[in-house]
Amino acid sequence: MPDADGHPNREEINLPAVLHALADPMRYRVVATLVREPDGTERTCSSFGLPVSKSTRTHHFRVLREAGLIRQVDRGNSRMTRLRRADLEARFPGLLDLLASNAPAEPAAS
């Protein structure tokens, strides 16, 4: 059963939900960005630079969280996001390596 914030436990992370979450280019971009970061890196939702409204961004992060790809923690007035690297590697060995090798290029800074 997911925790109060909607994070499934490791055993509840399932491949169809993960693949569904990754099927969207915006969500794939978030995970691909986190895969390239050192383990344990936390970022705010707005730091990913997604070209969508705040409500749409919230929806994308909810899908990622409920699929078990990310963990979000409230830190004051920010919500920090990190990749659930150990859980994903335990459930689907090699998936993160595959995502890293197929990650889209970072968008150029303006």
PDB file of N, CA and C in Angstrom:
ATOM      1  N   MET A   1       0.843  -1.179   0.000  1.00  0.00           N
ATOM      2  CA  MET A   1       0.000   0.000   0.000  1.00  0.00           C
ATOM      3  C   MET A   1       0.887   1.240   0.000  1.00  0.00           C
ATOM      4  N   PRO A   2       0.594   2.201  -0.900  1.00  0.00           N
ATOM      5  CA  PRO A   2       1.400   3.415  -0.939  1.00  0.00           C
ATOM      6  C   PRO A   2       1.360   4.166   0.398  1.00  0.00           C
ATOM      7  N   ASP A   3       2.415   4.943   0.652  1.00  0.00           N
ATOM      8  CA  ASP A   3       2.438   5.742   1.880  1.00  0.00           C
ATOM      9  C   ASP A   3       1.489   6.932   1.747  1.00  0.00           C
ATOM     10  N   ALA A   4       1.444   7.770   2.762  1.00  0.00           N
ATOM     11  CA  ALA A   4       0.504   8.900   2.789  1.00  0.00           C
ATOM     12  C   ALA A   4       0.743   9.890   1.651  1.00  0.00           C
ATOM     13  N   ASP A   5       1.956   9.921   1.106  1.00  0.00           N
ATOM     14  CA  ASP A   5       2.270  10.826   0.005  1.00  0.00           C
ATOM     15  C   ASP A   5       2.129  10.178  -1.366  1.00  0.00           C
ATOM     16  N   GLY A   6       1.673   8.923  -1.402  1.00  0.00           N
ATOM     17  CA  GLY A   6       1.448   8.248  -2.675  1.00  0.00           C
ATOM     18  C   GLY A   6       2.639   7.502  -3.240  1.00  0.00           C
ATOM     19  N   HIS A   7       3.673   7.288  -2.423  1.00  0.00           N
ATOM     20  CA  HIS A   7       4.840   6.528  -2.879  1.00  0.00           C
ATOM     21  C   HIS A   7       4.580   5.037  -2.648  1.00  0.00           C
ATOM     22  N   PRO A   8       4.590   4.221  -3.698  1.00  0.00           N
ATOM     23  CA  PRO A   8       4.435   2.777  -3.472  1.00  0.00           C
ATOM     24  C   PRO A   8       5.702   2.217  -2.819  1.00  0.00           C
ATOM     25  N   ASN A   9       5.548   1.129  -2.059  1.00  0.00           N
ATOM     26  CA  ASN A   9       6.764   0.515  -1.531  1.00  0.00           C
ATOM     27  C   ASN A   9       7.432  -0.243  -2.670  1.00  0.00           C
ATOM     28  N   ARG A  10       8.649  -0.663  -2.448  1.00  0.00           N
ATOM     29  CA  ARG A  10       9.450  -1.284  -3.512  1.00  0.00           C
ATOM     30  C   ARG A  10       8.720  -2.426  -4.211  1.00  0.00           C
ATOM     31  N   GLU A  11       8.078  -3.286  -3.442  1.00  0.00           N
ATOM     32  CA  GLU A  11       7.418  -4.461  -4.018  1.00  0.00           C
ATOM     33  C   GLU A  11       6.206  -4.088  -4.870  1.00  0.00           C
ATOM     34  N   GLU A  12       5.647  -2.910  -4.647  1.00  0.00           N
ATOM     35  CA  GLU A  12       4.469  -2.475  -5.396  1.00  0.00           C
ATOM     36  C   GLU A  12       4.811  -1.779  -6.719  1.00  0.00           C
ATOM     37  N   ILE A  13       6.071  -1.457  -6.940  1.00  0.00           N
ATOM     38  CA  ILE A  13       6.462  -0.813  -8.194  1.00  0.00           C
ATOM     39  C   ILE A  13       6.342  -1.861  -9.299  1.00  0.00           C
ATOM     40  N   ASN A  14       5.500  -1.556 -10.295  1.00  0.00           N
ATOM     41  CA  ASN A  14       5.302  -2.554 -11.359  1.00  0.00           C
ATOM     42  C   ASN A  14       5.666  -1.966 -12.720  1.00  0.00           C
ATOM     43  N   LEU A  15       6.101  -2.838 -13.604  1.00  0.00           N
ATOM     44  CA  LEU A  15       6.611  -2.428 -14.898  1.00  0.00           C
ATOM     45  C   LEU A  15       5.575  -1.693 -15.754  1.00  0.00           C
ATOM     46  N   PRO A  16       4.323  -2.149 -15.826  1.00  0.00           N
ATOM     47  CA  PRO A  16       3.364  -1.386 -16.637  1.00  0.00           C
ATOM     48  C   PRO A  16       3.209   0.064 -16.179  1.00  0.00           C
ATOM     49  N   ALA A  17       3.175   0.309 -14.886  1.00  0.00           N
ATOM     50  CA  ALA A  17       3.053   1.684 -14.377  1.00  0.00           C
ATOM     51  C   ALA A  17       4.302   2.499 -14.701  1.00  0.00           C
ATOM     52  N   VAL A  18       5.466   1.887 -14.565  1.00  0.00           N
ATOM     53  CA  VAL A  18       6.723   2.565 -14.873  1.00  0.00           C
ATOM     54  C   VAL A  18       6.774   2.918 -16.361  1.00  0.00           C
ATOM     55  N   LEU A  19       6.425   1.967 -17.212  1.00  0.00           N
ATOM     56  CA  LEU A  19       6.456   2.227 -18.649  1.00  0.00           C
ATOM     57  C   LEU A  19       5.430   3.279 -19.054  1.00  0.00           C
ATOM     58  N   HIS A  20       4.257   3.242 -18.424  1.00  0.00           N
ATOM     59  CA  HIS A  20       3.246   4.264 -18.697  1.00  0.00           C
ATOM     60  C   HIS A  20       3.780   5.648 -18.331  1.00  0.00           C
ATOM     61  N   ALA A  21       4.402   5.755 -17.169  1.00  0.00           N
ATOM     62  CA  ALA A  21       4.941   7.046 -16.726  1.00  0.00           C
ATOM     63  C   ALA A  21       6.031   7.536 -17.675  1.00  0.00           C
ATOM     64  N   LEU A  22       6.875   6.633 -18.143  1.00  0.00           N
ATOM     65  CA  LEU A  22       7.980   7.008 -19.019  1.00  0.00           C
ATOM     66  C   LEU A  22       7.544   7.266 -20.461  1.00  0.00           C
ATOM     67  N   ALA A  23       6.326   6.878 -20.817  1.00  0.00           N
ATOM     68  CA  ALA A  23       5.848   7.051 -22.192  1.00  0.00           C
ATOM     69  C   ALA A  23       5.645   8.517 -22.556  1.00  0.00           C
ATOM     70  N   ASP A  24       5.450   9.363 -21.566  1.00  0.00           N
ATOM     71  CA  ASP A  24       5.267  10.783 -21.831  1.00  0.00           C
ATOM     72  C   ASP A  24       6.637  11.458 -21.931  1.00  0.00           C
ATOM     73  N   PRO A  25       6.887  12.250 -22.977  1.00  0.00           N
ATOM     74  CA  PRO A  25       8.211  12.875 -23.151  1.00  0.00           C
ATOM     75  C   PRO A  25       8.636  13.788 -21.994  1.00  0.00           C
ATOM     76  N   MET A  26       7.693  14.481 -21.382  1.00  0.00           N
ATOM     77  CA  MET A  26       8.052  15.360 -20.258  1.00  0.00           C
ATOM     78  C   MET A  26       8.498  14.550 -19.051  1.00  0.00           C
ATOM     79  N   ARG A  27       7.776  13.478 -18.754  1.00  0.00           N
ATOM     80  CA  ARG A  27       8.138  12.635 -17.607  1.00  0.00           C
ATOM     81  C   ARG A  27       9.443  11.887 -17.887  1.00  0.00           C
ATOM     82  N   TYR A  28       9.614  11.438 -19.116  1.00  0.00           N
ATOM     83  CA  TYR A  28      10.862  10.776 -19.493  1.00  0.00           C
ATOM     84  C   TYR A  28      12.042  11.736 -19.296  1.00  0.00           C
ATOM     85  N   ARG A  29      11.839  12.984 -19.668  1.00  0.00           N
ATOM     86  CA  ARG A  29      12.888  14.001 -19.519  1.00  0.00           C
ATOM     87  C   ARG A  29      13.273  14.181 -18.047  1.00  0.00           C
ATOM     88  N   VAL A  30      12.303  14.204 -17.153  1.00  0.00           N
ATOM     89  CA  VAL A  30      12.579  14.342 -15.722  1.00  0.00           C
ATOM     90  C   VAL A  30      13.430  13.174 -15.233  1.00  0.00           C
ATOM     91  N   VAL A  31      13.018  11.952 -15.564  1.00  0.00           N
ATOM     92  CA  VAL A  31      13.748  10.767 -15.099  1.00  0.00           C
ATOM     93  C   VAL A  31      15.131  10.709 -15.734  1.00  0.00           C
ATOM     94  N   ALA A  32      15.219  11.006 -17.033  1.00  0.00           N
ATOM     95  CA  ALA A  32      16.521  10.987 -17.712  1.00  0.00           C
ATOM     96  C   ALA A  32      17.468  12.012 -17.094  1.00  0.00           C
ATOM     97  N   THR A  33      16.952  13.150 -16.702  1.00  0.00           N
ATOM     98  CA  THR A  33      17.771  14.170 -16.044  1.00  0.00           C
ATOM     99  C   THR A  33      18.275  13.654 -14.702  1.00  0.00           C
ATOM    100  N   LEU A  34      17.391  13.039 -13.915  1.00  0.00           N
ATOM    101  CA  LEU A  34      17.780  12.520 -12.606  1.00  0.00           C
ATOM    102  C   LEU A  34      18.762  11.359 -12.720  1.00  0.00           C
ATOM    103  N   VAL A  35      18.637  10.544 -13.763  1.00  0.00           N
ATOM    104  CA  VAL A  35      19.556   9.419 -13.958  1.00  0.00           C
ATOM    105  C   VAL A  35      20.978   9.926 -14.125  1.00  0.00           C
ATOM    106  N   ARG A  36      21.138  11.074 -14.778  1.00  0.00           N
ATOM    107  CA  ARG A  36      22.476  11.642 -15.011  1.00  0.00           C
ATOM    108  C   ARG A  36      23.072  12.302 -13.775  1.00  0.00           C
ATOM    109  N   GLU A  37      22.246  12.568 -12.770  1.00  0.00           N
ATOM    110  CA  GLU A  37      22.711  13.225 -11.541  1.00  0.00           C
ATOM    111  C   GLU A  37      23.309  12.186 -10.584  1.00  0.00           C
ATOM    112  N   PRO A  38      24.179  12.620  -9.662  1.00  0.00           N
ATOM    113  CA  PRO A  38      24.701  11.690  -8.655  1.00  0.00           C
ATOM    114  C   PRO A  38      23.559  11.128  -7.799  1.00  0.00           C
ATOM    115  N   ASP A  39      23.740   9.915  -7.303  1.00  0.00           N
ATOM    116  CA  ASP A  39      22.732   9.269  -6.460  1.00  0.00           C
ATOM    117  C   ASP A  39      22.401  10.166  -5.272  1.00  0.00           C
ATOM    118  N   GLY A  40      21.118  10.318  -4.991  1.00  0.00           N
ATOM    119  CA  GLY A  40      20.669  11.110  -3.858  1.00  0.00           C
ATOM    120  C   GLY A  40      20.421  12.571  -4.176  1.00  0.00           C
ATOM    121  N   THR A  41      20.697  12.991  -5.408  1.00  0.00           N
ATOM    122  CA  THR A  41      20.453  14.385  -5.787  1.00  0.00           C
ATOM    123  C   THR A  41      18.973  14.700  -5.666  1.00  0.00           C
ATOM    124  N   GLU A  42      18.674  15.838  -5.056  1.00  0.00           N
ATOM    125  CA  GLU A  42      17.296  16.316  -4.944  1.00  0.00           C
ATOM    126  C   GLU A  42      17.168  17.616  -5.715  1.00  0.00           C
ATOM    127  N   ARG A  43      16.060  17.739  -6.451  1.00  0.00           N
ATOM    128  CA  ARG A  43      15.803  18.952  -7.230  1.00  0.00           C
ATOM    129  C   ARG A  43      14.360  19.385  -7.031  1.00  0.00           C
ATOM    130  N   THR A  44      14.129  20.687  -7.158  1.00  0.00           N
ATOM    131  CA  THR A  44      12.762  21.178  -7.120  1.00  0.00           C
ATOM    132  C   THR A  44      12.084  20.854  -8.444  1.00  0.00           C
ATOM    133  N   CYS A  45      10.775  20.779  -8.424  1.00  0.00           N
ATOM    134  CA  CYS A  45      10.022  20.471  -9.646  1.00  0.00           C
ATOM    135  C   CYS A  45      10.264  21.526 -10.722  1.00  0.00           C
ATOM    136  N   SER A  46      10.360  22.782 -10.326  1.00  0.00           N
ATOM    137  CA  SER A  46      10.542  23.854 -11.310  1.00  0.00           C
ATOM    138  C   SER A  46      11.943  23.848 -11.926  1.00  0.00           C
ATOM    139  N   SER A  47      12.911  23.188 -11.296  1.00  0.00           N
ATOM    140  CA  SER A  47      14.290  23.195 -11.796  1.00  0.00           C
ATOM    141  C   SER A  47      14.463  22.393 -13.084  1.00  0.00           C
ATOM    142  N   PHE A  48      13.462  21.609 -13.454  1.00  0.00           N
ATOM    143  CA  PHE A  48      13.563  20.801 -14.670  1.00  0.00           C
ATOM    144  C   PHE A  48      13.225  21.604 -15.926  1.00  0.00           C
ATOM    145  N   GLY A  49      12.650  22.791 -15.738  1.00  0.00           N
ATOM    146  CA  GLY A  49      12.357  23.660 -16.871  1.00  0.00           C
ATOM    147  C   GLY A  49      11.328  23.120 -17.840  1.00  0.00           C
ATOM    148  N   LEU A  50      10.360  22.374 -17.339  1.00  0.00           N
ATOM    149  CA  LEU A  50       9.329  21.835 -18.226  1.00  0.00           C
ATOM    150  C   LEU A  50       8.454  22.973 -18.758  1.00  0.00           C
ATOM    151  N   PRO A  51       8.216  23.017 -20.069  1.00  0.00           N
ATOM    152  CA  PRO A  51       7.443  24.104 -20.664  1.00  0.00           C
ATOM    153  C   PRO A  51       5.936  23.873 -20.564  1.00  0.00           C
ATOM    154  N   VAL A  52       5.461  23.714 -19.329  1.00  0.00           N
ATOM    155  CA  VAL A  52       4.044  23.453 -19.083  1.00  0.00           C
ATOM    156  C   VAL A  52       3.592  24.286 -17.892  1.00  0.00           C
ATOM    157  N   SER A  53       2.279  24.369 -17.704  1.00  0.00           N
ATOM    158  CA  SER A  53       1.745  25.112 -16.564  1.00  0.00           C
ATOM    159  C   SER A  53       2.065  24.385 -15.262  1.00  0.00           C
ATOM    160  N   LYS A  54       1.923  25.102 -14.161  1.00  0.00           N
ATOM    161  CA  LYS A  54       2.198  24.512 -12.846  1.00  0.00           C
ATOM    162  C   LYS A  54       1.281  23.316 -12.584  1.00  0.00           C
ATOM    163  N   SER A  55       0.015  23.406 -12.963  1.00  0.00           N
ATOM    164  CA  SER A  55      -0.909  22.291 -12.712  1.00  0.00           C
ATOM    165  C   SER A  55      -0.535  21.062 -13.543  1.00  0.00           C
ATOM    166  N   THR A  56      -0.089  21.273 -14.770  1.00  0.00           N
ATOM    167  CA  THR A  56       0.342  20.146 -15.605  1.00  0.00           C
ATOM    168  C   THR A  56       1.619  19.540 -15.052  1.00  0.00           C
ATOM    169  N   ARG A  57       2.530  20.393 -14.599  1.00  0.00           N
ATOM    170  CA  ARG A  57       3.775  19.904 -13.982  1.00  0.00           C
ATOM    171  C   ARG A  57       3.453  19.064 -12.753  1.00  0.00           C
ATOM    172  N   THR A  58       2.515  19.526 -11.932  1.00  0.00           N
ATOM    173  CA  THR A  58       2.087  18.776 -10.751  1.00  0.00           C
ATOM    174  C   THR A  58       1.551  17.410 -11.147  1.00  0.00           C
ATOM    175  N   HIS A  59       0.760  17.362 -12.204  1.00  0.00           N
ATOM    176  CA  HIS A  59       0.219  16.084 -12.697  1.00  0.00           C
ATOM    177  C   HIS A  59       1.349  15.141 -13.100  1.00  0.00           C
ATOM    178  N   HIS A  60       2.324  15.644 -13.872  1.00  0.00           N
ATOM    179  CA  HIS A  60       3.430  14.789 -14.317  1.00  0.00           C
ATOM    180  C   HIS A  60       4.208  14.215 -13.132  1.00  0.00           C
ATOM    181  N   PHE A  61       4.468  15.036 -12.130  1.00  0.00           N
ATOM    182  CA  PHE A  61       5.219  14.546 -10.972  1.00  0.00           C
ATOM    183  C   PHE A  61       4.390  13.567 -10.145  1.00  0.00           C
ATOM    184  N   ARG A  62       3.077  13.742 -10.112  1.00  0.00           N
ATOM    185  CA  ARG A  62       2.215  12.780  -9.413  1.00  0.00           C
ATOM    186  C   ARG A  62       2.282  11.420 -10.103  1.00  0.00           C
ATOM    187  N   VAL A  63       2.234  11.398 -11.428  1.00  0.00           N
ATOM    188  CA  VAL A  63       2.313  10.137 -12.172  1.00  0.00           C
ATOM    189  C   VAL A  63       3.655   9.455 -11.899  1.00  0.00           C
ATOM    190  N   LEU A  64       4.737  10.216 -11.925  1.00  0.00           N
ATOM    191  CA  LEU A  64       6.063   9.645 -11.647  1.00  0.00           C
ATOM    192  C   LEU A  64       6.153   9.104 -10.226  1.00  0.00           C
ATOM    193  N   ARG A  65       5.599   9.844  -9.279  1.00  0.00           N
ATOM    194  CA  ARG A  65       5.616   9.429  -7.871  1.00  0.00           C
ATOM    195  C   ARG A  65       4.800   8.158  -7.665  1.00  0.00           C
ATOM    196  N   GLU A  66       3.591   8.130  -8.202  1.00  0.00           N
ATOM    197  CA  GLU A  66       2.717   6.967  -8.014  1.00  0.00           C
ATOM    198  C   GLU A  66       3.221   5.729  -8.753  1.00  0.00           C
ATOM    199  N   ALA A  67       4.019   5.916  -9.802  1.00  0.00           N
ATOM    200  CA  ALA A  67       4.625   4.784 -10.498  1.00  0.00           C
ATOM    201  C   ALA A  67       5.834   4.246  -9.745  1.00  0.00           C
ATOM    202  N   GLY A  68       6.360   5.033  -8.797  1.00  0.00           N
ATOM    203  CA  GLY A  68       7.511   4.599  -8.014  1.00  0.00           C
ATOM    204  C   GLY A  68       8.848   5.035  -8.574  1.00  0.00           C
ATOM    205  N   LEU A  69       8.840   5.914  -9.567  1.00  0.00           N
ATOM    206  CA  LEU A  69      10.094   6.360 -10.159  1.00  0.00           C
ATOM    207  C   LEU A  69      10.799   7.420  -9.321  1.00  0.00           C
ATOM    208  N   ILE A  70      10.028   8.251  -8.647  1.00  0.00           N
ATOM    209  CA  ILE A  70      10.618   9.323  -7.846  1.00  0.00           C
ATOM    210  C   ILE A  70      10.053   9.304  -6.431  1.00  0.00           C
ATOM    211  N   ARG A  71      10.780   9.943  -5.544  1.00  0.00           N
ATOM    212  CA  ARG A  71      10.296  10.199  -4.187  1.00  0.00           C
ATOM    213  C   ARG A  71      10.312  11.709  -4.012  1.00  0.00           C
ATOM    214  N   GLN A  72       9.226  12.239  -3.466  1.00  0.00           N
ATOM    215  CA  GLN A  72       9.140  13.669  -3.225  1.00  0.00           C
ATOM    216  C   GLN A  72       8.992  13.920  -1.740  1.00  0.00           C
ATOM    217  N   VAL A  73       9.701  14.964  -1.279  1.00  0.00           N
ATOM    218  CA  VAL A  73       9.693  15.335   0.126  1.00  0.00           C
ATOM    219  C   VAL A  73       9.498  16.844   0.210  1.00  0.00           C
ATOM    220  N   ASP A  74       8.596  17.270   1.087  1.00  0.00           N
ATOM    221  CA  ASP A  74       8.393  18.699   1.309  1.00  0.00           C
ATOM    222  C   ASP A  74       9.528  19.236   2.155  1.00  0.00           C
ATOM    223  N   ARG A  75      10.116  20.335   1.686  1.00  0.00           N
ATOM    224  CA  ARG A  75      11.179  21.027   2.415  1.00  0.00           C
ATOM    225  C   ARG A  75      10.777  22.502   2.466  1.00  0.00           C
ATOM    226  N   GLY A  76      10.092  22.871   3.533  1.00  0.00           N
ATOM    227  CA  GLY A  76       9.603  24.241   3.649  1.00  0.00           C
ATOM    228  C   GLY A  76       8.537  24.504   2.605  1.00  0.00           C
ATOM    229  N   ASN A  77       8.774  25.499   1.743  1.00  0.00           N
ATOM    230  CA  ASN A  77       7.788  25.801   0.713  1.00  0.00           C
ATOM    231  C   ASN A  77       8.147  25.180  -0.632  1.00  0.00           C
ATOM    232  N   SER A  78       9.063  24.234  -0.627  1.00  0.00           N
ATOM    233  CA  SER A  78       9.465  23.534  -1.848  1.00  0.00           C
ATOM    234  C   SER A  78       9.206  22.038  -1.710  1.00  0.00           C
ATOM    235  N   ARG A  79       9.008  21.411  -2.824  1.00  0.00           N
ATOM    236  CA  ARG A  79       8.891  19.959  -2.869  1.00  0.00           C
ATOM    237  C   ARG A  79      10.097  19.447  -3.637  1.00  0.00           C
ATOM    238  N   MET A  80      10.930  18.678  -2.964  1.00  0.00           N
ATOM    239  CA  MET A  80      12.152  18.165  -3.567  1.00  0.00           C
ATOM    240  C   MET A  80      11.903  16.771  -4.142  1.00  0.00           C
ATOM    241  N   THR A  81      12.511  16.529  -5.289  1.00  0.00           N
ATOM    242  CA  THR A  81      12.319  15.291  -6.031  1.00  0.00           C
ATOM    243  C   THR A  81      13.654  14.582  -6.175  1.00  0.00           C
ATOM    244  N   ARG A  82      13.645  13.270  -5.939  1.00  0.00           N
ATOM    245  CA  ARG A  82      14.847  12.472  -6.203  1.00  0.00           C
ATOM    246  C   ARG A  82      14.438  11.153  -6.828  1.00  0.00           C
ATOM    247  N   LEU A  83      15.343  10.576  -7.588  1.00  0.00           N
ATOM    248  CA  LEU A  83      15.115   9.297  -8.250  1.00  0.00           C
ATOM    249  C   LEU A  83      15.201   8.165  -7.230  1.00  0.00           C
ATOM    250  N   ARG A  84      14.311   7.201  -7.334  1.00  0.00           N
ATOM    251  CA  ARG A  84      14.354   6.038  -6.433  1.00  0.00           C
ATOM    252  C   ARG A  84      15.286   4.983  -7.038  1.00  0.00           C
ATOM    253  N   ARG A  85      16.535   5.362  -7.162  1.00  0.00           N
ATOM    254  CA  ARG A  85      17.541   4.564  -7.856  1.00  0.00           C
ATOM    255  C   ARG A  85      17.663   3.138  -7.303  1.00  0.00           C
ATOM    256  N   ALA A  86      17.835   2.997  -6.002  1.00  0.00           N
ATOM    257  CA  ALA A  86      18.027   1.658  -5.411  1.00  0.00           C
ATOM    258  C   ALA A  86      16.789   0.783  -5.607  1.00  0.00           C
ATOM    259  N   ASP A  87      15.613   1.365  -5.416  1.00  0.00           N
ATOM    260  CA  ASP A  87      14.373   0.594  -5.585  1.00  0.00           C
ATOM    261  C   ASP A  87      14.188   0.163  -7.032  1.00  0.00           C
ATOM    262  N   LEU A  88      14.458   1.060  -7.963  1.00  0.00           N
ATOM    263  CA  LEU A  88      14.298   0.721  -9.383  1.00  0.00           C
ATOM    264  C   LEU A  88      15.325  -0.304  -9.826  1.00  0.00           C
ATOM    265  N   GLU A  89      16.546  -0.168  -9.348  1.00  0.00           N
ATOM    266  CA  GLU A  89      17.583  -1.134  -9.725  1.00  0.00           C
ATOM    267  C   GLU A  89      17.263  -2.516  -9.151  1.00  0.00           C
ATOM    268  N   ALA A  90      16.691  -2.554  -7.955  1.00  0.00           N
ATOM    269  CA  ALA A  90      16.321  -3.835  -7.348  1.00  0.00           C
ATOM    270  C   ALA A  90      15.161  -4.483  -8.100  1.00  0.00           C
ATOM    271  N   ARG A  91      14.172  -3.688  -8.496  1.00  0.00           N
ATOM    272  CA  ARG A  91      12.989  -4.226  -9.184  1.00  0.00           C
ATOM    273  C   ARG A  91      13.258  -4.551 -10.650  1.00  0.00           C
ATOM    274  N   PHE A  92      14.006  -3.667 -11.327  1.00  0.00           N
ATOM    275  CA  PHE A  92      14.224  -3.801 -12.771  1.00  0.00           C
ATOM    276  C   PHE A  92      15.699  -3.556 -13.095  1.00  0.00           C
ATOM    277  N   PRO A  93      16.551  -4.546 -12.799  1.00  0.00           N
ATOM    278  CA  PRO A  93      17.990  -4.367 -13.034  1.00  0.00           C
ATOM    279  C   PRO A  93      18.275  -3.974 -14.483  1.00  0.00           C
ATOM    280  N   GLY A  94      19.073  -2.941 -14.644  1.00  0.00           N
ATOM    281  CA  GLY A  94      19.469  -2.491 -15.971  1.00  0.00           C
ATOM    282  C   GLY A  94      18.576  -1.412 -16.569  1.00  0.00           C
ATOM    283  N   LEU A  95      17.392  -1.195 -16.001  1.00  0.00           N
ATOM    284  CA  LEU A  95      16.479  -0.193 -16.557  1.00  0.00           C
ATOM    285  C   LEU A  95      17.113   1.200 -16.535  1.00  0.00           C
ATOM    286  N   LEU A  96      17.731   1.575 -15.439  1.00  0.00           N
ATOM    287  CA  LEU A  96      18.314   2.907 -15.350  1.00  0.00           C
ATOM    288  C   LEU A  96      19.495   3.071 -16.302  1.00  0.00           C
ATOM    289  N   ASP A  97      20.266   2.008 -16.495  1.00  0.00           N
ATOM    290  CA  ASP A  97      21.362   2.065 -17.474  1.00  0.00           C
ATOM    291  C   ASP A  97      20.796   2.282 -18.872  1.00  0.00           C
ATOM    292  N   LEU A  98      19.697   1.612 -19.178  1.00  0.00           N
ATOM    293  CA  LEU A  98      19.041   1.775 -20.473  1.00  0.00           C
ATOM    294  C   LEU A  98      18.545   3.210 -20.648  1.00  0.00           C
ATOM    295  N   LEU A  99      17.932   3.747 -19.607  1.00  0.00           N
ATOM    296  CA  LEU A  99      17.451   5.126 -19.677  1.00  0.00           C
ATOM    297  C   LEU A  99      18.616   6.100 -19.841  1.00  0.00           C
ATOM    298  N   ALA A 100      19.700   5.866 -19.124  1.00  0.00           N
ATOM    299  CA  ALA A 100      20.867   6.750 -19.224  1.00  0.00           C
ATOM    300  C   ALA A 100      21.464   6.724 -20.623  1.00  0.00           C
ATOM    301  N   SER A 101      21.504   5.558 -21.235  1.00  0.00           N
ATOM    302  CA  SER A 101      22.105   5.456 -22.568  1.00  0.00           C
ATOM    303  C   SER A 101      21.195   5.995 -23.663  1.00  0.00           C
ATOM    304  N   ASN A 102      19.910   6.179 -23.356  1.00  0.00           N
ATOM    305  CA  ASN A 102      18.960   6.703 -24.337  1.00  0.00           C
ATOM    306  C   ASN A 102      18.372   8.045 -23.916  1.00  0.00           C
ATOM    307  N   ALA A 103      19.030   8.702 -22.973  1.00  0.00           N
ATOM    308  CA  ALA A 103      18.510   9.969 -22.454  1.00  0.00           C
ATOM    309  C   ALA A 103      18.600  11.054 -23.512  1.00  0.00           C
ATOM    310  N   PRO A 104      17.556  11.865 -23.628  1.00  0.00           N
ATOM    311  CA  PRO A 104      17.630  12.988 -24.566  1.00  0.00           C
ATOM    312  C   PRO A 104      18.639  14.009 -24.069  1.00  0.00           C
ATOM    313  N   ALA A 105      19.171  14.777 -24.983  1.00  0.00           N
ATOM    314  CA  ALA A 105      20.140  15.813 -24.609  1.00  0.00           C
ATOM    315  C   ALA A 105      19.463  16.866 -23.740  1.00  0.00           C
ATOM    316  N   GLU A 106      20.232  17.431 -22.829  1.00  0.00           N
ATOM    317  CA  GLU A 106      19.725  18.515 -21.991  1.00  0.00           C
ATOM    318  C   GLU A 106      19.384  19.695 -22.895  1.00  0.00           C
ATOM    319  N   PRO A 107      18.250  20.362 -22.636  1.00  0.00           N
ATOM    320  CA  PRO A 107      17.965  21.545 -23.435  1.00  0.00           C
ATOM    321  C   PRO A 107      18.997  22.642 -23.171  1.00  0.00           C
ATOM    322  N   ALA A 108      19.293  23.396 -24.214  1.00  0.00           N
ATOM    323  CA  ALA A 108      20.285  24.473 -24.088  1.00  0.00           C
ATOM    324  C   ALA A 108      19.750  25.560 -23.161  1.00  0.00           C
ATOM    325  N   ALA A 109      20.644  26.105 -22.343  1.00  0.00           N
ATOM    326  CA  ALA A 109      20.257  27.186 -21.436  1.00  0.00           C
ATOM    327  C   ALA A 109      20.027  28.454 -22.242  1.00  0.00           C
ATOM    328  N   SER A 110      19.004  29.212 -21.845  1.00  0.00           N
ATOM    329  CA  SER A 110      18.743  30.446 -22.596  1.00  0.00           C
ATOM    330  C   SER A 110      19.354  31.639 -21.922  1.00  0.00           C
TER     331      SER A 110
END
